[in-house]
C-alpha atoms as a PDB file:
ATOM      1  CA  UNK A   1      -0.001   0.101  -0.041  1.00  0.00           C
ATOM      2  CA  UNK A   2       1.396   3.399  -1.067  1.00  0.00           C
ATOM      3  CA  UNK A   3       1.027   6.522   0.918  1.00  0.00           C
ATOM      4  CA  UNK A   4      -0.189   9.787  -0.989  1.00  0.00           C
ATOM      5  CA  UNK A   5       3.261  11.546  -0.998  1.00  0.00           C
ATOM      6  CA  UNK A   6       1.499  14.921  -1.155  1.00  0.00           C
ATOM      7  CA  UNK A   7      -0.538  14.494   1.994  1.00  0.00           C
ATOM      8  CA  UNK A   8       2.624  13.400   3.670  1.00  0.00           C
ATOM      9  CA  UNK A   9       4.625  16.601   2.351  1.00  0.00           C
ATOM     10  CA  UNK A  10       1.924  18.803   3.476  1.00  0.00           C
ATOM     11  CA  UNK A  11       2.212  17.434   7.092  1.00  0.00           C
ATOM     12  CA  UNK A  12       6.073  16.994   7.208  1.00  0.00           C
ATOM     13  CA  UNK A  13       7.429  20.345   5.662  1.00  0.00           C
ATOM     14  CA  UNK A  14       6.083  22.594   8.297  1.00  0.00           C
ATOM     15  CA  UNK A  15       7.693  20.465  10.955  1.00  0.00           C
ATOM     16  CA  UNK A  16      11.170  20.336   8.932  1.00  0.00           C
ATOM     17  CA  UNK A  17      11.277  24.228   8.767  1.00  0.00           C
ATOM     18  CA  UNK A  18      10.511  24.558  12.463  1.00  0.00           C
ATOM     19  CA  UNK A  19      13.265  22.055  13.270  1.00  0.00           C
ATOM     20  CA  UNK A  20      15.559  23.713  10.955  1.00  0.00           C
ATOM     21  CA  UNK A  21      14.994  27.175  12.238  1.00  0.00           C
ATOM     22  CA  UNK A  22      15.437  25.834  15.936  1.00  0.00           C
ATOM     23  CA  UNK A  23      18.441  24.062  14.994  1.00  0.00           C
ATOM     24  CA  UNK A  24      20.131  27.149  13.400  1.00  0.00           C
ATOM     25  CA  UNK A  25      19.131  29.197  16.479  1.00  0.00           C
ATOM     26  CA  UNK A  26      20.868  26.828  19.092  1.00  0.00           C
ATOM     27  CA  UNK A  27      23.780  25.998  16.793  1.00  0.00           C
ATOM     28  CA  UNK A  28      24.565  29.680  16.411  1.00  0.00           C
ATOM     29  CA  UNK A  29      24.279  30.222  19.970  1.00  0.00           C
ATOM     30  CA  UNK A  30      26.709  27.352  21.013  1.00  0.00           C
ATOM     31  CA  UNK A  31      28.986  27.703  17.878  1.00  0.00           C
ATOM     32  CA  UNK A  32      28.161  24.102  16.735  1.00  0.00           C
ATOM     33  CA  UNK A  33      25.987  24.692  13.850  1.00  0.00           C
ATOM     34  CA  UNK A  34      26.575  21.398  12.016  1.00  0.00           C
ATOM     35  CA  UNK A  35      25.189  19.348  14.971  1.00  0.00           C
ATOM     36  CA  UNK A  36      22.276  21.405  15.714  1.00  0.00           C
ATOM     37  CA  UNK A  37      21.128  21.777  12.198  1.00  0.00           C
ATOM     38  CA  UNK A  38      21.057  18.139  11.629  1.00  0.00           C
ATOM     39  CA  UNK A  39      19.408  17.509  15.049  1.00  0.00           C
ATOM     40  CA  UNK A  40      16.771  19.840  14.277  1.00  0.00           C
ATOM     41  CA  UNK A  41      16.026  18.650  10.885  1.00  0.00           C
ATOM     42  CA  UNK A  42      15.776  15.015  12.151  1.00  0.00           C
ATOM     43  CA  UNK A  43      13.628  16.092  15.169  1.00  0.00           C
ATOM     44  CA  UNK A  44      11.457  18.076  12.848  1.00  0.00           C
ATOM     45  CA  UNK A  45      11.117  15.000  10.480  1.00  0.00           C
ATOM     46  CA  UNK A  46      10.284  12.495  12.953  1.00  0.00           C
ATOM     47  CA  UNK A  47       7.674  14.841  14.536  1.00  0.00           C
ATOM     48  CA  UNK A  48       6.137  15.546  10.946  1.00  0.00           C
ATOM     49  CA  UNK A  49       6.033  11.912  10.294  1.00  0.00           C
ATOM     50  CA  UNK A  50       4.296  11.059  13.630  1.00  0.00           C
ATOM     51  CA  UNK A  51       1.651  13.704  12.956  1.00  0.00           C
ATOM     52  CA  UNK A  52       0.725  11.888   9.440  1.00  0.00           C
ATOM     53  CA  UNK A  53      -2.696  10.150   9.855  1.00  0.00           C
ATOM     54  CA  UNK A  54      -2.535   6.320   9.734  1.00  0.00           C
ATOM     55  CA  UNK A  55      -5.049   4.808   7.882  1.00  0.00           C
END
């Protein structure tokens, strides 16, 4: 069974962008941009995919 990718994208993209912004903010404050940017993206993606409705 294949998921509708447009429905998944509409739910995940906002969480990815928020995770990236938070990662950039914390990374610039702690001078460790690479670590926090990747952590922010990973956390944003995981939150977005947990919000996708399961049928």
